[in-house]
Amino acid sequence: MDVQPWHAVAAVMDRAPATIRVFLDHRMHCVGCPIARFHSVEEACREHGLALARILAAFDAAARVDEPS
């Protein structure tokens, strides 16, 4: 999965469950949050004061774990 800034946080976690660890490691409280369906990755990074490019790279690395071989 190629995670994009406009992807909904919940969709990222649904499609690539390995990204949940990235959210938790960066103290993003998105896991289980009712707003995760509506917040984009970009919005979540802004809310948590995190660099978007760094988080996207971490999500992409984690998402590769969930891709079928």
PDB file of N, CA and C in Angstrom:
ATOM      1  N   MET A   1       0.851  -1.179   0.000  1.00  0.00           N
ATOM      2  CA  MET A   1       0.000   0.000   0.000  1.00  0.00           C
ATOM      3  C   MET A   1       0.893   1.236   0.000  1.00  0.00           C
ATOM      4  N   ASP A   2       0.613   2.141  -0.874  1.00  0.00           N
ATOM      5  CA  ASP A   2       1.322   3.415  -0.943  1.00  0.00           C
ATOM      6  C   ASP A   2       0.466   4.442  -0.205  1.00  0.00           C
ATOM      7  N   VAL A   3       0.820   4.729   1.035  1.00  0.00           N
ATOM      8  CA  VAL A   3       0.022   5.628   1.867  1.00  0.00           C
ATOM      9  C   VAL A   3       0.196   7.064   1.374  1.00  0.00           C
ATOM     10  N   GLN A   4      -0.926   7.730   1.169  1.00  0.00           N
ATOM     11  CA  GLN A   4      -0.938   9.112   0.685  1.00  0.00           C
ATOM     12  C   GLN A   4      -1.462  10.044   1.783  1.00  0.00           C
ATOM     13  N   PRO A   5      -1.091  11.328   1.735  1.00  0.00           N
ATOM     14  CA  PRO A   5      -1.528  12.270   2.772  1.00  0.00           C
ATOM     15  C   PRO A   5      -3.043  12.377   2.915  1.00  0.00           C
ATOM     16  N   TRP A   6      -3.770  12.167   1.832  1.00  0.00           N
ATOM     17  CA  TRP A   6      -5.233  12.326   1.871  1.00  0.00           C
ATOM     18  C   TRP A   6      -5.968  11.059   2.304  1.00  0.00           C
ATOM     19  N   HIS A   7      -5.268   9.955   2.484  1.00  0.00           N
ATOM     20  CA  HIS A   7      -5.924   8.724   2.938  1.00  0.00           C
ATOM     21  C   HIS A   7      -6.464   8.918   4.354  1.00  0.00           C
ATOM     22  N   ALA A   8      -7.636   8.382   4.587  1.00  0.00           N
ATOM     23  CA  ALA A   8      -8.212   8.420   5.934  1.00  0.00           C
ATOM     24  C   ALA A   8      -7.396   7.519   6.856  1.00  0.00           C
ATOM     25  N   VAL A   9      -7.182   7.982   8.064  1.00  0.00           N
ATOM     26  CA  VAL A   9      -6.393   7.237   9.038  1.00  0.00           C
ATOM     27  C   VAL A   9      -6.955   5.828   9.231  1.00  0.00           C
ATOM     28  N   ALA A  10      -8.267   5.702   9.387  1.00  0.00           N
ATOM     29  CA  ALA A  10      -8.882   4.387   9.601  1.00  0.00           C
ATOM     30  C   ALA A  10      -8.655   3.471   8.406  1.00  0.00           C
ATOM     31  N   ALA A  11      -8.709   4.016   7.198  1.00  0.00           N
ATOM     32  CA  ALA A  11      -8.486   3.206   5.998  1.00  0.00           C
ATOM     33  C   ALA A  11      -7.060   2.675   5.961  1.00  0.00           C
ATOM     34  N   VAL A  12      -6.109   3.493   6.383  1.00  0.00           N
ATOM     35  CA  VAL A  12      -4.707   3.056   6.414  1.00  0.00           C
ATOM     36  C   VAL A  12      -4.564   1.877   7.370  1.00  0.00           C
ATOM     37  N   MET A  13      -5.138   2.001   8.567  1.00  0.00           N
ATOM     38  CA  MET A  13      -5.035   0.916   9.551  1.00  0.00           C
ATOM     39  C   MET A  13      -5.783  -0.332   9.096  1.00  0.00           C
ATOM     40  N   ASP A  14      -6.917  -0.157   8.413  1.00  0.00           N
ATOM     41  CA  ASP A  14      -7.689  -1.304   7.925  1.00  0.00           C
ATOM     42  C   ASP A  14      -6.939  -2.058   6.835  1.00  0.00           C
ATOM     43  N   ARG A  15      -6.360  -1.322   5.894  1.00  0.00           N
ATOM     44  CA  ARG A  15      -5.684  -1.953   4.752  1.00  0.00           C
ATOM     45  C   ARG A  15      -4.294  -2.469   5.089  1.00  0.00           C
ATOM     46  N   ALA A  16      -3.655  -1.837   6.057  1.00  0.00           N
ATOM     47  CA  ALA A  16      -2.288  -2.227   6.426  1.00  0.00           C
ATOM     48  C   ALA A  16      -2.167  -2.214   7.951  1.00  0.00           C
ATOM     49  N   PRO A  17      -2.625  -3.269   8.609  1.00  0.00           N
ATOM     50  CA  PRO A  17      -2.614  -3.308  10.071  1.00  0.00           C
ATOM     51  C   PRO A  17      -1.236  -3.085  10.703  1.00  0.00           C
ATOM     52  N   ALA A  18      -0.173  -3.375   9.976  1.00  0.00           N
ATOM     53  CA  ALA A  18       1.172  -3.156  10.526  1.00  0.00           C
ATOM     54  C   ALA A  18       1.444  -1.675  10.787  1.00  0.00           C
ATOM     55  N   THR A  19       0.673  -0.783  10.164  1.00  0.00           N
ATOM     56  CA  THR A  19       0.866   0.650  10.400  1.00  0.00           C
ATOM     57  C   THR A  19       0.397   1.069  11.793  1.00  0.00           C
ATOM     58  N   ILE A  20      -0.394   0.247  12.431  1.00  0.00           N
ATOM     59  CA  ILE A  20      -0.866   0.571  13.783  1.00  0.00           C
ATOM     60  C   ILE A  20       0.320   0.795  14.712  1.00  0.00           C
ATOM     61  N   ARG A  21       1.356  -0.013  14.567  1.00  0.00           N
ATOM     62  CA  ARG A  21       2.556   0.136  15.395  1.00  0.00           C
ATOM     63  C   ARG A  21       3.194   1.505  15.171  1.00  0.00           C
ATOM     64  N   VAL A  22       3.176   2.008  13.939  1.00  0.00           N
ATOM     65  CA  VAL A  22       3.741   3.332  13.641  1.00  0.00           C
ATOM     66  C   VAL A  22       2.944   4.410  14.382  1.00  0.00           C
ATOM     67  N   PHE A  23       1.623   4.318  14.320  1.00  0.00           N
ATOM     68  CA  PHE A  23       0.790   5.277  15.050  1.00  0.00           C
ATOM     69  C   PHE A  23       1.153   5.273  16.536  1.00  0.00           C
ATOM     70  N   LEU A  24       1.236   4.096  17.118  1.00  0.00           N
ATOM     71  CA  LEU A  24       1.524   3.987  18.546  1.00  0.00           C
ATOM     72  C   LEU A  24       2.933   4.458  18.883  1.00  0.00           C
ATOM     73  N   ASP A  25       3.911   4.095  18.063  1.00  0.00           N
ATOM     74  CA  ASP A  25       5.301   4.497  18.319  1.00  0.00           C
ATOM     75  C   ASP A  25       5.487   6.011  18.295  1.00  0.00           C
ATOM     76  N   HIS A  26       4.652   6.695  17.518  1.00  0.00           N
ATOM     77  CA  HIS A  26       4.749   8.152  17.420  1.00  0.00           C
ATOM     78  C   HIS A  26       3.732   8.861  18.324  1.00  0.00           C
ATOM     79  N   ARG A  27       3.155   8.102  19.235  1.00  0.00           N
ATOM     80  CA  ARG A  27       2.195   8.633  20.209  1.00  0.00           C
ATOM     81  C   ARG A  27       1.006   9.326  19.559  1.00  0.00           C
ATOM     82  N   MET A  28       0.625   8.782  18.414  1.00  0.00           N
ATOM     83  CA  MET A  28      -0.578   9.272  17.738  1.00  0.00           C
ATOM     84  C   MET A  28      -1.744   8.478  18.315  1.00  0.00           C
ATOM     85  N   HIS A  29      -2.721   9.159  18.811  1.00  0.00           N
ATOM     86  CA  HIS A  29      -3.833   8.501  19.494  1.00  0.00           C
ATOM     87  C   HIS A  29      -4.960   8.128  18.535  1.00  0.00           C
ATOM     88  N   CYS A  30      -4.587   7.772  17.327  1.00  0.00           N
ATOM     89  CA  CYS A  30      -5.562   7.486  16.269  1.00  0.00           C
ATOM     90  C   CYS A  30      -6.189   6.099  16.402  1.00  0.00           C
ATOM     91  N   VAL A  31      -5.470   5.180  17.004  1.00  0.00           N
ATOM     92  CA  VAL A  31      -5.969   3.813  17.137  1.00  0.00           C
ATOM     93  C   VAL A  31      -7.169   3.833  18.081  1.00  0.00           C
ATOM     94  N   GLY A  32      -8.328   3.456  17.552  1.00  0.00           N
ATOM     95  CA  GLY A  32      -9.550   3.449  18.345  1.00  0.00           C
ATOM     96  C   GLY A  32     -10.270   4.790  18.429  1.00  0.00           C
ATOM     97  N   CYS A  33      -9.714   5.805  17.804  1.00  0.00           N
ATOM     98  CA  CYS A  33     -10.325   7.143  17.847  1.00  0.00           C
ATOM     99  C   CYS A  33     -11.514   7.206  16.884  1.00  0.00           C
ATOM    100  N   PRO A  34     -12.658   7.724  17.328  1.00  0.00           N
ATOM    101  CA  PRO A  34     -13.821   7.803  16.437  1.00  0.00           C
ATOM    102  C   PRO A  34     -13.625   8.782  15.275  1.00  0.00           C
ATOM    103  N   ILE A  35     -12.672   9.681  15.374  1.00  0.00           N
ATOM    104  CA  ILE A  35     -12.418  10.660  14.305  1.00  0.00           C
ATOM    105  C   ILE A  35     -11.532  10.056  13.208  1.00  0.00           C
ATOM    106  N   ALA A  36     -10.907   8.919  13.466  1.00  0.00           N
ATOM    107  CA  ALA A  36      -9.968   8.313  12.510  1.00  0.00           C
ATOM    108  C   ALA A  36     -10.608   8.062  11.147  1.00  0.00           C
ATOM    109  N   ARG A  37     -11.905   7.860  11.109  1.00  0.00           N
ATOM    110  CA  ARG A  37     -12.606   7.660   9.831  1.00  0.00           C
ATOM    111  C   ARG A  37     -12.612   8.912   8.980  1.00  0.00           C
ATOM    112  N   PHE A  38     -12.540  10.051   9.643  1.00  0.00           N
ATOM    113  CA  PHE A  38     -12.691  11.330   8.952  1.00  0.00           C
ATOM    114  C   PHE A  38     -11.384  12.103   8.802  1.00  0.00           C
ATOM    115  N   HIS A  39     -10.415  11.834   9.663  1.00  0.00           N
ATOM    116  CA  HIS A  39      -9.124  12.524   9.613  1.00  0.00           C
ATOM    117  C   HIS A  39      -8.240  11.910   8.541  1.00  0.00           C
ATOM    118  N   SER A  40      -7.606  12.758   7.761  1.00  0.00           N
ATOM    119  CA  SER A  40      -6.608  12.268   6.808  1.00  0.00           C
ATOM    120  C   SER A  40      -5.284  12.100   7.553  1.00  0.00           C
ATOM    121  N   VAL A  41      -4.369  11.388   6.937  1.00  0.00           N
ATOM    122  CA  VAL A  41      -3.034  11.226   7.515  1.00  0.00           C
ATOM    123  C   VAL A  41      -2.392  12.603   7.705  1.00  0.00           C
ATOM    124  N   GLU A  42      -2.551  13.468   6.724  1.00  0.00           N
ATOM    125  CA  GLU A  42      -1.975  14.816   6.811  1.00  0.00           C
ATOM    126  C   GLU A  42      -2.541  15.590   8.005  1.00  0.00           C
ATOM    127  N   GLU A  43      -3.846  15.522   8.198  1.00  0.00           N
ATOM    128  CA  GLU A  43      -4.473  16.211   9.330  1.00  0.00           C
ATOM    129  C   GLU A  43      -3.992  15.643  10.662  1.00  0.00           C
ATOM    130  N   ALA A  44      -3.875  14.324  10.735  1.00  0.00           N
ATOM    131  CA  ALA A  44      -3.422  13.683  11.970  1.00  0.00           C
ATOM    132  C   ALA A  44      -1.988  14.098  12.299  1.00  0.00           C
ATOM    133  N   CYS A  45      -1.133  14.165  11.289  1.00  0.00           N
ATOM    134  CA  CYS A  45       0.250  14.599  11.517  1.00  0.00           C
ATOM    135  C   CYS A  45       0.283  16.037  12.016  1.00  0.00           C
ATOM    136  N   ARG A  46      -0.513  16.877  11.410  1.00  0.00           N
ATOM    137  CA  ARG A  46      -0.571  18.278  11.828  1.00  0.00           C
ATOM    138  C   ARG A  46      -1.059  18.383  13.283  1.00  0.00           C
ATOM    139  N   GLU A  47      -2.104  17.630  13.624  1.00  0.00           N
ATOM    140  CA  GLU A  47      -2.655  17.663  14.985  1.00  0.00           C
ATOM    141  C   GLU A  47      -1.640  17.199  16.030  1.00  0.00           C
ATOM    142  N   HIS A  48      -0.787  16.244  15.633  1.00  0.00           N
ATOM    143  CA  HIS A  48       0.189  15.679  16.570  1.00  0.00           C
ATOM    144  C   HIS A  48       1.567  16.321  16.442  1.00  0.00           C
ATOM    145  N   GLY A  49       1.705  17.312  15.563  1.00  0.00           N
ATOM    146  CA  GLY A  49       2.974  18.020  15.407  1.00  0.00           C
ATOM    147  C   GLY A  49       4.087  17.169  14.822  1.00  0.00           C
ATOM    148  N   LEU A  50       3.733  16.283  13.891  1.00  0.00           N
ATOM    149  CA  LEU A  50       4.713  15.372  13.292  1.00  0.00           C
ATOM    150  C   LEU A  50       4.970  15.724  11.834  1.00  0.00           C
ATOM    151  N   ALA A  51       6.183  15.443  11.385  1.00  0.00           N
ATOM    152  CA  ALA A  51       6.561  15.698   9.994  1.00  0.00           C
ATOM    153  C   ALA A  51       5.874  14.681   9.086  1.00  0.00           C
ATOM    154  N   LEU A  52       5.085  15.171   8.159  1.00  0.00           N
ATOM    155  CA  LEU A  52       4.311  14.309   7.269  1.00  0.00           C
ATOM    156  C   LEU A  52       5.201  13.348   6.483  1.00  0.00           C
ATOM    157  N   ALA A  53       6.269  13.843   5.887  1.00  0.00           N
ATOM    158  CA  ALA A  53       7.136  12.993   5.058  1.00  0.00           C
ATOM    159  C   ALA A  53       7.724  11.840   5.866  1.00  0.00           C
ATOM    160  N   ARG A  54       8.121  12.118   7.087  1.00  0.00           N
ATOM    161  CA  ARG A  54       8.703  11.072   7.943  1.00  0.00           C
ATOM    162  C   ARG A  54       7.671   9.994   8.278  1.00  0.00           C
ATOM    163  N   ILE A  55       6.462  10.413   8.594  1.00  0.00           N
ATOM    164  CA  ILE A  55       5.403   9.464   8.939  1.00  0.00           C
ATOM    165  C   ILE A  55       4.994   8.648   7.716  1.00  0.00           C
ATOM    166  N   LEU A  56       4.877   9.299   6.561  1.00  0.00           N
ATOM    167  CA  LEU A  56       4.527   8.564   5.337  1.00  0.00           C
ATOM    168  C   LEU A  56       5.561   7.494   5.033  1.00  0.00           C
ATOM    169  N   ALA A  57       6.836   7.814   5.195  1.00  0.00           N
ATOM    170  CA  ALA A  57       7.898   6.829   4.954  1.00  0.00           C
ATOM    171  C   ALA A  57       7.772   5.655   5.926  1.00  0.00           C
ATOM    172  N   ALA A  58       7.471   5.948   7.181  1.00  0.00           N
ATOM    173  CA  ALA A  58       7.302   4.881   8.177  1.00  0.00           C
ATOM    174  C   ALA A  58       6.079   4.027   7.863  1.00  0.00           C
ATOM    175  N   PHE A  59       4.986   4.669   7.428  1.00  0.00           N
ATOM    176  CA  PHE A  59       3.792   3.912   7.051  1.00  0.00           C
ATOM    177  C   PHE A  59       4.078   3.011   5.857  1.00  0.00           C
ATOM    178  N   ASP A  60       4.754   3.540   4.855  1.00  0.00           N
ATOM    179  CA  ASP A  60       5.057   2.744   3.661  1.00  0.00           C
ATOM    180  C   ASP A  60       5.922   1.541   4.008  1.00  0.00           C
ATOM    181  N   ALA A  61       6.911   1.737   4.867  1.00  0.00           N
ATOM    182  CA  ALA A  61       7.768   0.621   5.286  1.00  0.00           C
ATOM    183  C   ALA A  61       6.949  -0.429   6.032  1.00  0.00           C
ATOM    184  N   ALA A  62       6.078   0.012   6.922  1.00  0.00           N
ATOM    185  CA  ALA A  62       5.242  -0.925   7.679  1.00  0.00           C
ATOM    186  C   ALA A  62       4.228  -1.610   6.773  1.00  0.00           C
ATOM    187  N   ALA A  63       3.661  -0.877   5.833  1.00  0.00           N
ATOM    188  CA  ALA A  63       2.634  -1.436   4.945  1.00  0.00           C
ATOM    189  C   ALA A  63       3.195  -2.545   4.071  1.00  0.00           C
ATOM    190  N   ARG A  64       4.478  -2.486   3.748  1.00  0.00           N
ATOM    191  CA  ARG A  64       5.085  -3.554   2.929  1.00  0.00           C
ATOM    192  C   ARG A  64       5.009  -4.905   3.632  1.00  0.00           C
ATOM    193  N   VAL A  65       4.975  -4.890   4.953  1.00  0.00           N
ATOM    194  CA  VAL A  65       4.856  -6.131   5.728  1.00  0.00           C
ATOM    195  C   VAL A  65       3.525  -6.810   5.427  1.00  0.00           C
ATOM    196  N   ASP A  66       2.487  -6.015   5.198  1.00  0.00           N
ATOM    197  CA  ASP A  66       1.140  -6.543   4.981  1.00  0.00           C
ATOM    198  C   ASP A  66       0.848  -6.918   3.533  1.00  0.00           C
ATOM    199  N   GLU A  67       1.766  -6.606   2.615  1.00  0.00           N
ATOM    200  CA  GLU A  67       1.519  -6.920   1.206  1.00  0.00           C
ATOM    201  C   GLU A  67       1.756  -8.404   0.949  1.00  0.00           C
ATOM    202  N   PRO A  68       0.899  -9.011   0.135  1.00  0.00           N
ATOM    203  CA  PRO A  68       1.110 -10.423  -0.200  1.00  0.00           C
ATOM    204  C   PRO A  68       2.381 -10.582  -1.025  1.00  0.00           C
ATOM    205  N   SER A  69       3.078 -11.688  -0.806  1.00  0.00           N
ATOM    206  CA  SER A  69       4.334 -11.901  -1.549  1.00  0.00           C
ATOM    207  C   SER A  69       4.119 -12.602  -2.856  1.00  0.00           C
TER     208      SER A  69
END
